[in-house]
């Protein structure tokens, strides 16, 4: 059996460290080029670092539904709010539950921040209600005769896809008098089947004597009269009055609502809800290329299609404004289109005076507006950019201190080997920075304070891999081997330990990412990413560099400052087989000479 040739160089990656180094260098250059091509040269920062707004929403118990606040409804609400906010392009917004009845919405500082806050705040149910009366938002002053010559702005029209568009009916004049409104309110309520106030006690008695099948109770009379008085006196320009209307109103009740039309406040008297927001399958703002205008298209569920066809069929036979339906979100009228025919087929469109922004906003509200619960803003916290920069500065200082302590330890204990570890840490840091910057553009990854903590923890994980490899090399030198064989023999043992250690760290990060929400996921994501990069750096950079430096005189000769001095490590003499048998003492004397000569 032929003896192996001495001094045979290993093949593959171990014998060609230049290839591995070239590969990682090309990867770094490619990532850098990607950063400049995508104009994303810095990582995107989260709310706690860049500033933004955090809104805490508290679920409210509905009358008669004590069990409505449950995990299923809360998770459904989270999904709807998240889609509603992200539909505005705020992709880095965070929506998560906290406790049993709270939802936290984090909106980063940016161009759509205010718009997103407005839509997050509108958390009540969405309804389609018939319009009974409309007036200017101010209280209606008594007038002897209705004012003339005033014309309202046209309302948007609703039509089915492919159906003829309704004619431009006009909205009622905002300057309607108290007399005309006083007549319109009870007549409209009567038309919806709601009880109207009795004109006099004698007439009520005559109705009783006539044995009417459905006599009007006095409580209902008072309720209708009270609603009429509230409509006349309502001032929608007053924020407190706007917040007070609609409280405790059921979908089947008539109600009041406020809204803006043409930049001015208006008020509506609305009938019972005909369609629930949950009946809307999909809605979006699109451009009608034939007419050159923005419209809102709607798709209804099967149940919602029947409801919508019924209500539009009833409204189409009436005069303005009672041929309109109001889209009401949180007691605020977001649109009040008119109809001229029954809209069947499960699809409809709203057109008339939309801009791109208003069409897309309305489509967003229709798609994601119906929540299973009602919410109120419990707390709103705004983090300024200055405070965020201070927290980022504090995180960077903490990372620098941690890195400095690791470097000091490596220099003190490993001396020349510390140079390899420091360069490897720099390479790992560059790769981490580049990938985080690109992920901000690719998947909306935002670097927050927990993510910075994950990067700091990763410094220790990466340094631990170097230490494992260095100690394996030192063990081989203690066994009496020279540096170059020690580097190659130590690698398989160190590689197994590094892979097992990093696998455990990555598994912990993956589990943490899956079972947690919000900012903790940032910590888990960064920890998992840096753990994967640790494997890449150790295999493609640290090991090849160690192989190359083992060929230099400074390290191969065991210089005292190399960290691999055999004498300081307590190395054994290199063992050699003796042809003499049974001469243990003679063999020890024979092998001592080379060591003594090396030390001399």
Protein backbone atom coordinates (compact mmCIF):
# COMPACT_ATOMS: atom_id res chain seq x y z
CA UNK A 1 0.00 0.00 0.00
CA UNK A 2 1.56 3.25 -1.11
CA UNK A 3 2.04 5.90 1.49
CA UNK A 4 0.32 9.24 0.89
CA UNK A 5 2.48 11.95 -0.48
CA UNK A 6 3.71 14.43 2.04
CA UNK A 7 2.77 18.06 1.66
CA UNK A 8 -0.23 17.31 -0.57
CA UNK A 9 -2.43 20.41 -0.72
CA UNK A 10 -6.16 19.96 -0.11
CA UNK A 11 -8.46 20.31 -3.07
CA UNK A 12 -11.71 22.19 -3.46
CA UNK A 13 -12.61 25.34 -1.56
CA UNK A 14 -10.07 24.61 1.16
CA UNK A 15 -7.21 24.58 -1.29
CA UNK A 16 -8.49 27.55 -3.29
CA UNK A 17 -9.45 30.24 -0.78
CA UNK A 18 -9.19 32.93 -3.44
CA UNK A 19 -12.36 31.70 -5.14
CA UNK A 20 -14.43 32.00 -1.97
CA UNK A 21 -13.07 35.48 -1.30
CA UNK A 22 -13.78 36.53 -4.89
CA UNK A 23 -17.35 35.24 -4.58
CA UNK A 24 -18.13 37.21 -1.42
CA UNK A 25 -16.48 40.30 -2.89
CA UNK A 26 -18.67 40.04 -6.01
CA UNK A 27 -21.75 39.63 -3.79
CA UNK A 28 -20.89 42.78 -1.84
CA UNK A 29 -20.35 44.77 -5.04
CA UNK A 30 -23.65 43.49 -6.50
CA UNK A 31 -25.58 44.42 -3.35
CA UNK A 32 -24.00 47.88 -3.34
CA UNK A 33 -24.97 48.38 -6.98
CA UNK A 34 -28.50 47.29 -6.16
CA UNK A 35 -28.72 49.90 -3.42
CA UNK A 36 -27.81 52.70 -5.81
CA UNK A 37 -30.00 51.42 -8.63
CA UNK A 38 -33.05 51.30 -6.35
CA UNK A 39 -32.10 54.61 -4.69
CA UNK A 40 -32.32 52.88 -1.31
CA UNK A 41 -28.91 53.61 0.20
CA UNK A 42 -30.07 53.53 3.82
CA UNK A 43 -32.38 51.17 5.73
CA UNK A 44 -35.95 52.30 6.23
CA UNK A 45 -36.55 53.33 9.82
CA UNK A 46 -39.54 52.37 11.95
CA UNK A 47 -41.75 54.68 13.99
CA UNK A 48 -39.62 54.58 17.13
CA UNK A 49 -36.57 55.73 15.14
CA UNK A 50 -37.96 57.91 12.34
CA UNK A 51 -41.00 59.28 14.14
CA UNK A 52 -44.69 58.69 13.53
CA UNK A 53 -47.99 58.14 15.29
CA UNK A 54 -49.21 55.30 17.47
CA UNK A 55 -53.00 55.03 17.91
CA UNK A 56 -54.62 52.84 20.55
CA UNK A 57 -58.19 51.78 19.69
CA UNK A 58 -60.50 50.32 22.33
CA UNK A 59 -63.38 48.05 21.33
CA UNK A 60 -66.79 49.12 22.61
CA UNK A 61 -69.47 46.69 23.75
CA UNK A 62 -72.60 46.78 21.60
CA UNK A 63 -76.01 46.76 23.32
CA UNK A 64 -77.40 43.24 23.30
CA UNK A 65 -74.07 41.75 22.16
CA UNK A 66 -72.03 41.15 25.32
CA UNK A 67 -69.87 38.49 23.65
CA UNK A 68 -69.04 40.52 20.53
CA UNK A 69 -65.57 41.38 21.81
CA UNK A 70 -63.75 38.12 21.20
CA UNK A 71 -60.56 36.94 19.61
CA UNK A 72 -62.17 36.21 16.23
CA UNK A 73 -63.75 39.65 15.86
CA UNK A 74 -60.60 41.40 17.10
CA UNK A 75 -58.44 39.57 14.57
CA UNK A 76 -60.94 40.36 11.81
CA UNK A 77 -60.84 44.04 12.78
CA UNK A 78 -57.03 43.99 12.72
CA UNK A 79 -57.04 42.61 9.19
CA UNK A 80 -59.56 45.19 7.95
CA UNK A 81 -57.75 48.14 9.54
CA UNK A 82 -54.42 46.89 8.23
CA UNK A 83 -55.77 46.56 4.67
CA UNK A 84 -57.44 49.96 4.94
CA UNK A 85 -54.21 51.69 6.00
CA UNK A 86 -51.99 49.74 3.63
CA UNK A 87 -54.43 50.55 0.83
CA UNK A 88 -53.15 54.11 1.13
CA UNK A 89 -49.59 52.99 0.42
CA UNK A 90 -48.45 53.03 4.07
CA UNK A 91 -46.97 49.54 3.77
CA UNK A 92 -44.82 49.75 6.88
CA UNK A 93 -47.78 50.45 9.19
CA UNK A 94 -48.22 48.01 12.07
CA UNK A 95 -51.64 46.86 13.31
CA UNK A 96 -51.79 44.43 16.22
CA UNK A 97 -53.97 43.47 19.16
CA UNK A 98 -53.01 44.27 22.73
CA UNK A 99 -54.84 42.51 25.50
CA UNK A 100 -58.48 41.57 25.06
CA UNK A 101 -60.05 44.74 23.68
CA UNK A 102 -57.29 47.02 22.34
CA UNK A 103 -55.75 47.42 18.90
CA UNK A 104 -52.48 49.30 18.38
CA UNK A 105 -51.99 51.05 15.03
CA UNK A 106 -48.51 52.42 14.31
CA UNK A 107 -48.35 54.80 11.36
CA UNK A 108 -44.87 55.93 10.25
CA UNK A 109 -44.25 59.58 9.59
CA UNK A 110 -44.76 60.32 5.91
CA UNK A 111 -46.87 61.89 3.22
CA UNK A 112 -49.91 59.68 3.89
CA UNK A 113 -49.73 59.83 7.69
CA UNK A 114 -52.64 62.25 8.21
CA UNK A 115 -54.80 60.49 5.64
CA UNK A 116 -54.14 57.13 7.28
CA UNK A 117 -54.95 58.54 10.71
CA UNK A 118 -58.27 59.84 9.43
CA UNK A 119 -59.25 56.47 8.01
CA UNK A 120 -58.05 54.52 11.05
CA UNK A 121 -60.17 56.78 13.26
CA UNK A 122 -63.32 55.99 11.27
CA UNK A 123 -63.83 52.60 12.84
CA UNK A 124 -67.64 52.33 13.10
CA UNK A 125 -69.92 50.30 10.86
CA UNK A 126 -70.59 51.23 7.25
CA UNK A 127 -74.21 51.57 6.06
CA UNK A 128 -76.13 52.61 2.96
CA UNK A 129 -79.10 54.72 4.15
CA UNK A 130 -81.84 56.47 2.12
CA UNK A 131 -81.72 60.26 2.27
CA UNK A 132 -84.91 61.79 3.70
CA UNK A 133 -83.79 65.42 3.91
CA UNK A 134 -80.68 67.52 3.44
CA UNK A 135 -79.76 71.03 4.57
CA UNK A 136 -76.79 73.26 5.15
CA UNK A 137 -74.77 72.28 8.20
CA UNK A 138 -75.80 75.36 10.19
CA UNK A 139 -78.97 75.45 12.34
CA UNK A 140 -82.00 76.33 10.23
CA UNK A 141 -83.31 79.81 11.08
CA UNK A 142 -87.12 80.29 10.89
CA UNK A 143 -88.18 82.01 7.63
CA UNK A 144 -91.66 83.16 6.62
CA UNK A 145 -91.14 81.83 3.09
CA UNK A 146 -88.60 79.53 1.48
CA UNK A 147 -85.65 81.34 -0.04
CA UNK A 148 -85.47 81.20 -3.79
CA UNK A 149 -82.84 81.26 -6.44
CA UNK A 150 -80.41 79.02 -4.59
CA UNK A 151 -79.26 75.85 -6.22
CA UNK A 152 -77.26 73.07 -4.65
CA UNK A 153 -74.32 71.27 -6.07
CA UNK A 154 -75.02 68.13 -8.05
CA UNK A 155 -74.66 64.88 -6.20
CA UNK A 156 -72.75 61.96 -7.65
CA UNK A 157 -74.89 59.53 -9.60
CA UNK A 158 -75.07 55.78 -9.17
CA UNK A 159 -75.63 53.41 -12.07
CA UNK A 160 -75.02 49.83 -13.03
CA UNK A 161 -72.15 49.00 -15.32
CA UNK A 162 -73.38 49.47 -18.87
CA UNK A 163 -76.67 51.09 -17.78
CA UNK A 164 -77.59 54.61 -18.92
CA UNK A 165 -76.42 57.30 -16.56
CA UNK A 166 -79.07 59.15 -14.60
CA UNK A 167 -79.79 62.75 -15.49
CA UNK A 168 -78.18 65.49 -13.47
CA UNK A 169 -80.74 65.83 -10.68
CA UNK A 170 -79.93 68.56 -8.23
CA UNK A 171 -79.56 68.31 -4.50
CA UNK A 172 -81.91 70.35 -2.35
CA UNK A 173 -80.86 73.86 -1.65
CA UNK A 174 -78.69 74.25 1.44
CA UNK A 175 -80.63 77.39 2.24
CA UNK A 176 -83.98 75.64 2.70
CA UNK A 177 -86.16 77.36 5.25
CA UNK A 178 -87.41 76.05 8.53
CA UNK A 179 -90.93 75.92 7.14
CA UNK A 180 -90.07 73.71 4.20
CA UNK A 181 -87.82 71.48 6.30
CA UNK A 182 -90.49 71.27 8.94
CA UNK A 183 -92.87 69.83 6.36
CA UNK A 184 -90.25 67.59 4.76
CA UNK A 185 -89.14 65.82 7.93
CA UNK A 186 -92.42 64.26 9.05
CA UNK A 187 -93.43 63.47 5.46
CA UNK A 188 -90.13 61.71 4.84
CA UNK A 189 -90.37 59.78 8.07
CA UNK A 190 -93.91 58.75 7.18
CA UNK A 191 -92.72 57.53 3.79
CA UNK A 192 -90.23 55.20 5.43
CA UNK A 193 -92.87 53.67 7.64
CA UNK A 194 -91.71 55.44 10.77
CA UNK A 195 -94.44 56.85 12.98
CA UNK A 196 -95.08 60.54 12.50
CA UNK A 197 -96.19 63.03 15.13
CA UNK A 198 -99.93 63.49 15.67
CA UNK A 199 -101.19 66.89 14.48
CA UNK A 200 -103.53 67.26 17.43
CA UNK A 201 -105.08 65.36 20.24
CA UNK A 202 -108.51 65.40 18.54
CA UNK A 203 -107.14 63.90 15.37
CA UNK A 204 -105.40 61.21 17.41
CA UNK A 205 -108.65 60.42 19.10
CA UNK A 206 -110.42 60.21 15.72
CA UNK A 207 -107.79 57.79 14.54
CA UNK A 208 -108.33 55.67 17.64
CA UNK A 209 -112.08 55.76 17.13
CA UNK A 210 -111.59 54.68 13.54
CA UNK A 211 -109.75 51.63 14.93
CA UNK A 212 -106.66 52.09 12.83
CA UNK A 213 -104.76 48.79 12.59
CA UNK A 214 -101.45 50.32 13.68
CA UNK A 215 -102.07 53.21 16.07
CA UNK A 216 -99.18 55.52 16.74
CA UNK A 217 -98.02 55.42 20.37
CA UNK A 218 -97.26 58.68 22.10
CA UNK A 219 -93.64 57.57 22.71
CA UNK A 220 -93.03 57.25 18.98
CA UNK A 221 -94.64 60.65 18.40
CA UNK A 222 -92.22 62.20 20.82
CA UNK A 223 -89.26 60.41 19.23
CA UNK A 224 -90.16 61.67 15.74
CA UNK A 225 -90.73 65.20 17.00
CA UNK A 226 -87.44 65.05 18.85
CA UNK A 227 -85.61 63.86 15.72
CA UNK A 228 -87.19 66.63 13.68
CA UNK A 229 -86.17 69.25 16.24
CA UNK A 230 -82.62 67.88 16.38
CA UNK A 231 -82.32 68.01 12.60
CA UNK A 232 -83.39 71.64 12.47
CA UNK A 233 -81.14 72.66 15.37
CA UNK A 234 -78.11 70.54 14.42
CA UNK A 235 -74.92 72.50 13.76
CA UNK A 236 -72.52 70.23 11.90
CA UNK A 237 -69.78 72.87 12.00
CA UNK A 238 -69.54 72.21 15.74
CA UNK A 239 -67.20 69.28 16.39
CA UNK A 240 -68.88 68.42 19.71
CA UNK A 241 -72.29 68.17 18.06
CA UNK A 242 -70.88 66.00 15.27
CA UNK A 243 -69.41 63.63 17.85
CA UNK A 244 -72.70 63.39 19.74
CA UNK A 245 -75.02 62.42 16.87
CA UNK A 246 -75.82 58.82 16.12
CA UNK A 247 -74.92 57.41 19.54
CA UNK A 248 -76.96 54.32 20.35
CA UNK A 249 -78.74 54.38 16.97
CA UNK A 250 -79.57 50.95 15.56
CA UNK A 251 -79.37 50.12 11.83
CA UNK A 252 -83.17 49.97 11.65
CA UNK A 253 -83.67 53.45 13.09
CA UNK A 254 -83.78 56.80 11.34
CA UNK A 255 -80.85 59.00 12.28
CA UNK A 256 -78.95 62.20 11.61
CA UNK A 257 -75.52 62.50 10.03
CA UNK A 258 -73.03 65.15 9.04
CA UNK A 259 -70.64 65.34 6.13
CA UNK A 260 -68.83 67.64 3.79
CA UNK A 261 -70.02 68.50 0.31
CA UNK A 262 -67.93 70.80 -1.82
CA UNK A 263 -65.79 71.74 1.16
CA UNK A 264 -68.71 72.89 3.33
CA UNK A 265 -70.57 71.02 6.06
CA UNK A 266 -74.03 69.64 5.42
CA UNK A 267 -76.49 67.63 7.49
CA UNK A 268 -78.71 64.74 6.50
CA UNK A 269 -81.81 63.12 7.86
CA UNK A 270 -81.48 59.44 6.98
CA UNK A 271 -83.83 56.49 6.99
CA UNK A 272 -83.15 52.93 8.21
CA UNK A 273 -80.08 51.23 6.74
CA UNK A 274 -80.90 49.37 3.53
CA UNK A 275 -77.47 47.77 2.93
CA UNK A 276 -74.73 46.87 5.39
CA UNK A 277 -71.09 47.54 4.59
CA UNK A 278 -70.40 43.82 5.00
CA UNK A 279 -72.51 43.26 1.87
CA UNK A 280 -69.87 45.01 -0.26
CA UNK A 281 -67.55 42.41 -1.75
CA UNK A 282 -65.13 44.83 -3.42
CA UNK A 283 -64.88 48.49 -4.37
CA UNK A 284 -62.19 50.63 -5.95
CA UNK A 285 -61.64 53.96 -7.63
CA UNK A 286 -60.85 53.64 -11.34
CA UNK A 287 -60.61 55.94 -14.34
CA UNK A 288 -63.41 55.69 -16.91
CA UNK A 289 -61.47 56.13 -20.13
CA UNK A 290 -64.62 56.64 -22.24
CA UNK A 291 -65.93 59.53 -20.18
CA UNK A 292 -62.54 60.69 -18.97
CA UNK A 293 -63.52 60.82 -15.29
CA UNK A 294 -62.85 58.98 -12.08
CA UNK A 295 -65.57 56.63 -10.81
CA UNK A 296 -66.00 54.17 -7.96
CA UNK A 297 -67.01 50.62 -8.91
CA UNK A 298 -68.72 48.32 -6.41
CA UNK A 299 -69.31 44.57 -6.31
CA UNK A 300 -71.90 43.19 -3.88
CA UNK A 301 -72.35 39.79 -2.33
CA UNK A 302 -75.39 37.76 -3.37
CA UNK A 303 -77.31 38.92 -0.33
CA UNK A 304 -76.11 42.49 -0.72
CA UNK A 305 -77.07 42.51 -4.40
CA UNK A 306 -80.70 41.80 -3.54
CA UNK A 307 -80.72 44.47 -0.83
CA UNK A 308 -79.15 47.08 -3.10
CA UNK A 309 -81.56 46.34 -5.95
CA UNK A 310 -84.51 46.77 -3.59
CA UNK A 311 -83.40 50.06 -2.07
CA UNK A 312 -82.37 51.61 -5.40
CA UNK A 313 -85.67 50.50 -6.95
CA UNK A 314 -87.57 52.35 -4.22
CA UNK A 315 -85.38 55.47 -4.41
CA UNK A 316 -85.61 55.74 -8.21
CA UNK A 317 -89.33 56.58 -8.02
CA UNK A 318 -88.86 59.52 -5.65
CA UNK A 319 -87.91 63.15 -6.03
CA UNK A 320 -84.65 64.75 -4.92
CA UNK A 321 -83.23 64.48 -2.33
CA UNK A 322 -85.18 61.33 -1.51
CA UNK A 323 -83.85 59.60 -4.63
CA UNK A 324 -80.39 59.55 -3.03
CA UNK A 325 -78.73 57.07 -0.70
CA UNK A 326 -76.03 58.12 1.74
CA UNK A 327 -72.91 56.06 2.35
CA UNK A 328 -72.42 56.55 6.08
CA UNK A 329 -69.24 55.69 7.92
CA UNK A 330 -69.09 56.49 11.62
CA UNK A 331 -72.13 58.81 11.34
CA UNK A 332 -70.32 60.73 8.62
CA UNK A 333 -71.71 60.89 5.10
CA UNK A 334 -68.82 60.16 2.75
CA UNK A 335 -70.98 60.23 -0.40
CA UNK A 336 -74.68 60.64 -1.30
CA UNK A 337 -75.22 59.58 -4.95
CA UNK A 338 -78.68 59.71 -6.57
CA UNK A 339 -80.25 56.92 -8.60
CA UNK A 340 -82.69 56.98 -11.49
CA UNK A 341 -83.38 53.25 -11.83
CA UNK A 342 -83.12 50.01 -9.90
CA UNK A 343 -79.54 48.75 -9.90
CA UNK A 344 -79.45 44.99 -10.32
CA UNK A 345 -76.79 42.48 -11.26
CA UNK A 346 -74.63 42.82 -8.16
CA UNK A 347 -72.45 45.62 -9.49
CA UNK A 348 -72.75 49.40 -9.54
CA UNK A 349 -70.67 52.49 -10.05
CA UNK A 350 -70.66 55.92 -8.47
CA UNK A 351 -69.69 58.83 -10.66
CA UNK A 352 -69.72 62.61 -10.56
CA UNK A 353 -67.04 65.11 -9.59
CA UNK A 354 -64.46 62.66 -8.23
CA UNK A 355 -60.74 63.31 -8.26
CA UNK A 356 -58.31 60.41 -8.26
CA UNK A 357 -57.75 60.82 -4.53
CA UNK A 358 -61.42 61.05 -3.54
CA UNK A 359 -62.38 58.12 -5.77
CA UNK A 360 -59.67 55.90 -4.33
CA UNK A 361 -60.48 56.99 -0.77
CA UNK A 362 -64.16 56.14 -1.19
CA UNK A 363 -63.32 52.79 -2.78
CA UNK A 364 -60.98 52.05 0.12
CA UNK A 365 -63.65 52.87 2.69
CA UNK A 366 -66.26 50.77 0.90
CA UNK A 367 -63.91 47.78 0.67
CA UNK A 368 -62.52 47.88 4.19
CA UNK A 369 -64.95 50.06 6.11
CA UNK A 370 -67.24 47.51 7.73
CA UNK A 371 -65.70 46.36 11.00
CA UNK A 372 -67.24 43.64 13.19
CA UNK A 373 -66.85 45.94 16.23
CA UNK A 374 -67.06 49.61 17.04
CA UNK A 375 -63.92 51.30 18.37
CA UNK A 376 -62.97 54.53 20.04
CA UNK A 377 -59.57 56.20 20.18
CA UNK A 378 -58.18 55.44 23.60
CA UNK A 379 -54.78 57.06 23.16
CA UNK A 380 -52.77 58.77 20.43
CA UNK A 381 -49.00 59.13 20.79
CA UNK A 382 -46.82 60.93 18.31
CA UNK A 383 -43.07 60.29 18.23
CA UNK A 384 -41.24 63.24 16.74
CA UNK A 385 -38.37 62.78 14.35
CA UNK A 386 -36.06 64.37 16.94
CA UNK A 387 -36.98 61.79 19.58
CA UNK A 388 -36.60 59.01 17.02
CA UNK A 389 -33.12 60.22 16.07
CA UNK A 390 -32.16 60.29 19.76
CA UNK A 391 -33.27 56.68 20.18
CA UNK A 392 -31.39 55.68 17.04
CA UNK A 393 -28.30 57.45 18.35
CA UNK A 394 -28.63 55.63 21.67
CA UNK A 395 -28.96 52.29 19.87
CA UNK A 396 -25.90 52.96 17.74
CA UNK A 397 -23.90 53.97 20.82
CA UNK A 398 -24.94 50.74 22.55
CA UNK A 399 -23.88 48.75 19.49
CA UNK A 400 -20.54 50.58 19.32
CA UNK A 401 -19.87 49.86 22.99
CA UNK A 402 -20.69 46.20 22.53
CA UNK A 403 -18.48 45.96 19.45
CA UNK A 404 -15.62 47.73 21.26
CA UNK A 405 -15.80 45.30 24.19
CA UNK A 406 -15.70 42.33 21.81
CA UNK A 407 -12.70 43.80 19.96
CA UNK A 408 -10.85 44.45 23.24
CA UNK A 409 -11.45 40.87 24.35
CA UNK A 410 -10.27 39.48 21.01
CA UNK A 411 -7.10 41.60 21.04
CA UNK A 412 -6.28 40.65 24.61
CA UNK A 413 -6.84 36.94 24.21
CA UNK A 414 -6.24 36.14 20.53
CA UNK A 415 -3.77 38.88 19.56
CA UNK A 416 -3.00 38.48 15.83
CA UNK A 417 -6.06 36.29 15.29
CA UNK A 418 -8.16 39.24 16.40
CA UNK A 419 -7.32 40.90 13.07
CA UNK A 420 -9.15 38.10 11.22
CA UNK A 421 -12.12 38.34 13.55
CA UNK A 422 -12.39 42.13 13.23
CA UNK A 423 -12.23 42.04 9.43
CA UNK A 424 -14.88 39.30 9.42
CA UNK A 425 -17.13 41.41 11.66
CA UNK A 426 -16.73 44.35 9.26
CA UNK A 427 -17.69 42.16 6.29
CA UNK A 428 -20.71 40.84 8.21
CA UNK A 429 -21.74 44.39 9.10
CA UNK A 430 -21.50 45.56 5.49
CA UNK A 431 -23.60 42.65 4.22
CA UNK A 432 -26.20 43.22 6.96
CA UNK A 433 -26.46 46.93 6.12
CA UNK A 434 -26.79 46.30 2.39
CA UNK A 435 -29.43 43.58 2.74
CA UNK A 436 -31.49 45.62 5.23
CA UNK A 437 -31.42 48.59 2.87
CA UNK A 438 -32.62 46.50 -0.07
CA UNK A 439 -35.30 44.73 1.98
CA UNK A 440 -36.78 48.11 2.88
CA UNK A 441 -37.62 48.60 -0.78
CA UNK A 442 -38.42 44.98 -1.57
CA UNK A 443 -40.68 43.90 1.32
CA UNK A 444 -41.16 47.09 3.33
CA UNK A 445 -38.77 46.06 6.12
CA UNK A 446 -38.41 48.90 8.63
CA UNK A 447 -35.54 49.00 11.08
CA UNK A 448 -36.87 49.66 14.58
CA UNK A 449 -35.26 49.71 18.00
CA UNK A 450 -35.77 45.96 18.70
CA UNK A 451 -34.20 45.22 15.31
CA UNK A 452 -31.16 47.27 16.33
CA UNK A 453 -31.02 45.16 19.51
CA UNK A 454 -31.09 42.03 17.36
CA UNK A 455 -28.14 43.34 15.35
CA UNK A 456 -26.22 44.02 18.57
CA UNK A 457 -26.89 40.49 19.82
CA UNK A 458 -25.67 39.20 16.46
CA UNK A 459 -22.23 40.65 17.15
CA UNK A 460 -21.80 38.12 19.93
CA UNK A 461 -23.15 35.26 17.81
CA UNK A 462 -20.73 36.04 14.98
CA UNK A 463 -17.77 36.48 17.33
CA UNK A 464 -18.65 33.14 18.95
CA UNK A 465 -18.19 31.38 15.59
CA UNK A 466 -14.69 32.83 15.24
CA UNK A 467 -13.81 31.78 18.77
CA UNK A 468 -14.96 28.21 18.10
CA UNK A 469 -12.71 27.99 15.01
CA UNK A 470 -9.71 29.63 16.69
CA UNK A 471 -9.93 27.29 19.68
CA UNK A 472 -10.05 24.26 17.42
CA UNK A 473 -6.86 25.48 15.68
CA UNK A 474 -5.19 26.01 19.03
CA UNK A 475 -6.19 22.49 20.11
CA UNK A 476 -4.48 21.07 17.04
CA UNK A 477 -1.33 23.09 17.77
CA UNK A 478 -1.34 21.84 21.36
CA UNK A 479 -1.34 18.33 19.93
CA UNK A 480 1.98 19.13 18.28
CA UNK A 481 0.88 19.98 14.73
CA UNK A 482 2.16 22.92 12.73
CA UNK A 483 -0.19 25.73 11.73
CA UNK A 484 -1.12 24.80 8.16
CA UNK A 485 -2.21 21.23 8.97
CA UNK A 486 -3.85 22.52 12.15
CA UNK A 487 -5.98 25.00 10.18
CA UNK A 488 -7.29 22.29 7.86
CA UNK A 489 -7.81 19.62 10.55
CA UNK A 490 -9.58 22.05 12.88
CA UNK A 491 -12.08 23.20 10.24
CA UNK A 492 -14.33 20.06 10.04
CA UNK A 493 -14.72 19.98 13.83
CA UNK A 494 -15.34 23.72 14.09
CA UNK A 495 -17.72 23.66 11.12
CA UNK A 496 -20.03 21.15 12.78
CA UNK A 497 -20.13 23.13 16.00
CA UNK A 498 -20.79 26.43 14.18
CA UNK A 499 -23.59 24.95 12.08
CA UNK A 500 -25.32 23.40 15.10
CA UNK A 501 -25.00 26.63 17.11
CA UNK A 502 -26.31 28.81 14.28
CA UNK A 503 -29.13 26.39 13.56
CA UNK A 504 -30.33 26.65 17.15
CA UNK A 505 -30.13 30.47 17.01
CA UNK A 506 -31.98 30.59 13.69
CA UNK A 507 -34.66 28.19 14.94
CA UNK A 508 -35.23 30.37 18.00
CA UNK A 509 -35.47 33.47 15.79
CA UNK A 510 -37.94 31.75 13.42
CA UNK A 511 -40.20 30.60 16.26
CA UNK A 512 -40.07 34.06 17.83
CA UNK A 513 -41.00 35.66 14.49
CA UNK A 514 -43.97 33.33 13.99
CA UNK A 515 -45.52 33.50 17.46
CA UNK A 516 -45.04 37.22 18.13
CA UNK A 517 -46.35 40.40 16.53
CA UNK A 518 -45.24 43.97 16.04
CA UNK A 519 -41.84 45.21 17.02
CA UNK A 520 -40.69 41.89 18.51
CA UNK A 521 -40.82 40.47 15.00
CA UNK A 522 -38.22 43.08 14.03
CA UNK A 523 -35.86 41.65 16.64
CA UNK A 524 -36.51 38.08 15.48
CA UNK A 525 -36.11 38.96 11.79
CA UNK A 526 -32.80 40.73 12.33
CA UNK A 527 -31.51 37.93 14.55
CA UNK A 528 -32.39 35.31 11.93
CA UNK A 529 -30.88 37.35 9.10
CA UNK A 530 -27.58 37.95 10.90
CA UNK A 531 -27.40 34.29 11.91
CA UNK A 532 -27.60 33.24 8.26
CA UNK A 533 -24.99 35.83 7.36
CA UNK A 534 -22.73 34.46 10.09
CA UNK A 535 -22.64 31.10 8.28
CA UNK A 536 -21.90 32.83 4.97
CA UNK A 537 -19.09 34.97 6.41
CA UNK A 538 -17.42 32.13 8.31
CA UNK A 539 -17.50 29.76 5.33
CA UNK A 540 -16.67 32.22 2.55
CA UNK A 541 -14.44 34.73 4.32
CA UNK A 542 -13.07 33.74 7.74
CA UNK A 543 -11.92 30.23 6.74
CA UNK A 544 -10.30 31.30 3.41
CA UNK A 545 -8.52 34.24 5.09
CA UNK A 546 -7.24 31.95 7.83
CA UNK A 547 -5.94 29.55 5.18
CA UNK A 548 -4.06 32.34 3.41
CA UNK A 549 -2.59 33.83 6.60
CA UNK A 550 -1.41 30.39 7.72
CA UNK A 551 1.08 30.55 4.84
CA UNK A 552 2.64 33.77 6.12
CA UNK A 553 5.75 33.71 8.26
CA UNK A 554 4.18 35.75 11.07
CA UNK A 555 1.54 33.14 11.81
CA UNK A 556 3.23 29.94 10.64
CA UNK A 557 6.32 30.57 12.77
CA UNK A 558 4.19 30.97 15.89
CA UNK A 559 5.11 34.60 16.61
CA UNK A 560 4.29 35.53 20.23
CA UNK A 561 1.81 38.20 18.97
CA UNK A 562 0.16 35.89 16.48
CA UNK A 563 -1.97 34.23 19.13
CA UNK A 564 -0.69 30.84 17.96
CA UNK A 565 2.63 30.60 19.82
CA UNK A 566 3.12 26.87 20.59
CA UNK A 567 5.08 27.64 23.75
CA UNK A 568 2.36 29.88 25.21
CA UNK A 569 -0.26 27.31 24.26
CA UNK A 570 1.67 24.50 26.00
CA UNK A 571 2.11 22.49 22.81
CA UNK A 572 3.32 18.90 23.02
CA UNK A 573 6.43 17.83 21.10
CA UNK A 574 5.62 16.55 17.62
CA UNK A 575 5.16 12.79 18.03
CA UNK A 576 7.24 10.54 15.81
CA UNK A 577 7.17 6.74 15.67
CA UNK A 578 10.39 5.01 16.78
CA UNK A 579 11.59 1.76 15.18
CA UNK A 580 12.78 0.57 18.57
CA UNK A 581 10.30 -1.39 20.59
CA UNK A 582 9.60 -1.02 24.29
CA UNK A 583 11.85 2.02 24.71
CA UNK A 584 9.45 4.58 26.09
CA UNK A 585 12.18 6.67 27.74
CA UNK A 586 14.44 6.52 24.68
CA UNK A 587 11.54 7.57 22.43
CA UNK A 588 10.82 10.57 24.65
CA UNK A 589 14.48 11.56 24.55
CA UNK A 590 14.53 11.16 20.76
CA UNK A 591 11.59 13.47 20.17
CA UNK A 592 12.74 16.11 22.65
CA UNK A 593 15.65 17.20 20.49
CA UNK A 594 13.62 18.80 17.66
CA UNK A 595 11.60 20.80 20.17
CA UNK A 596 14.72 21.99 21.99
CA UNK A 597 16.32 22.92 18.68
CA UNK A 598 13.18 24.89 17.64
CA UNK A 599 13.12 26.79 20.92
CA UNK A 600 16.85 27.52 20.56
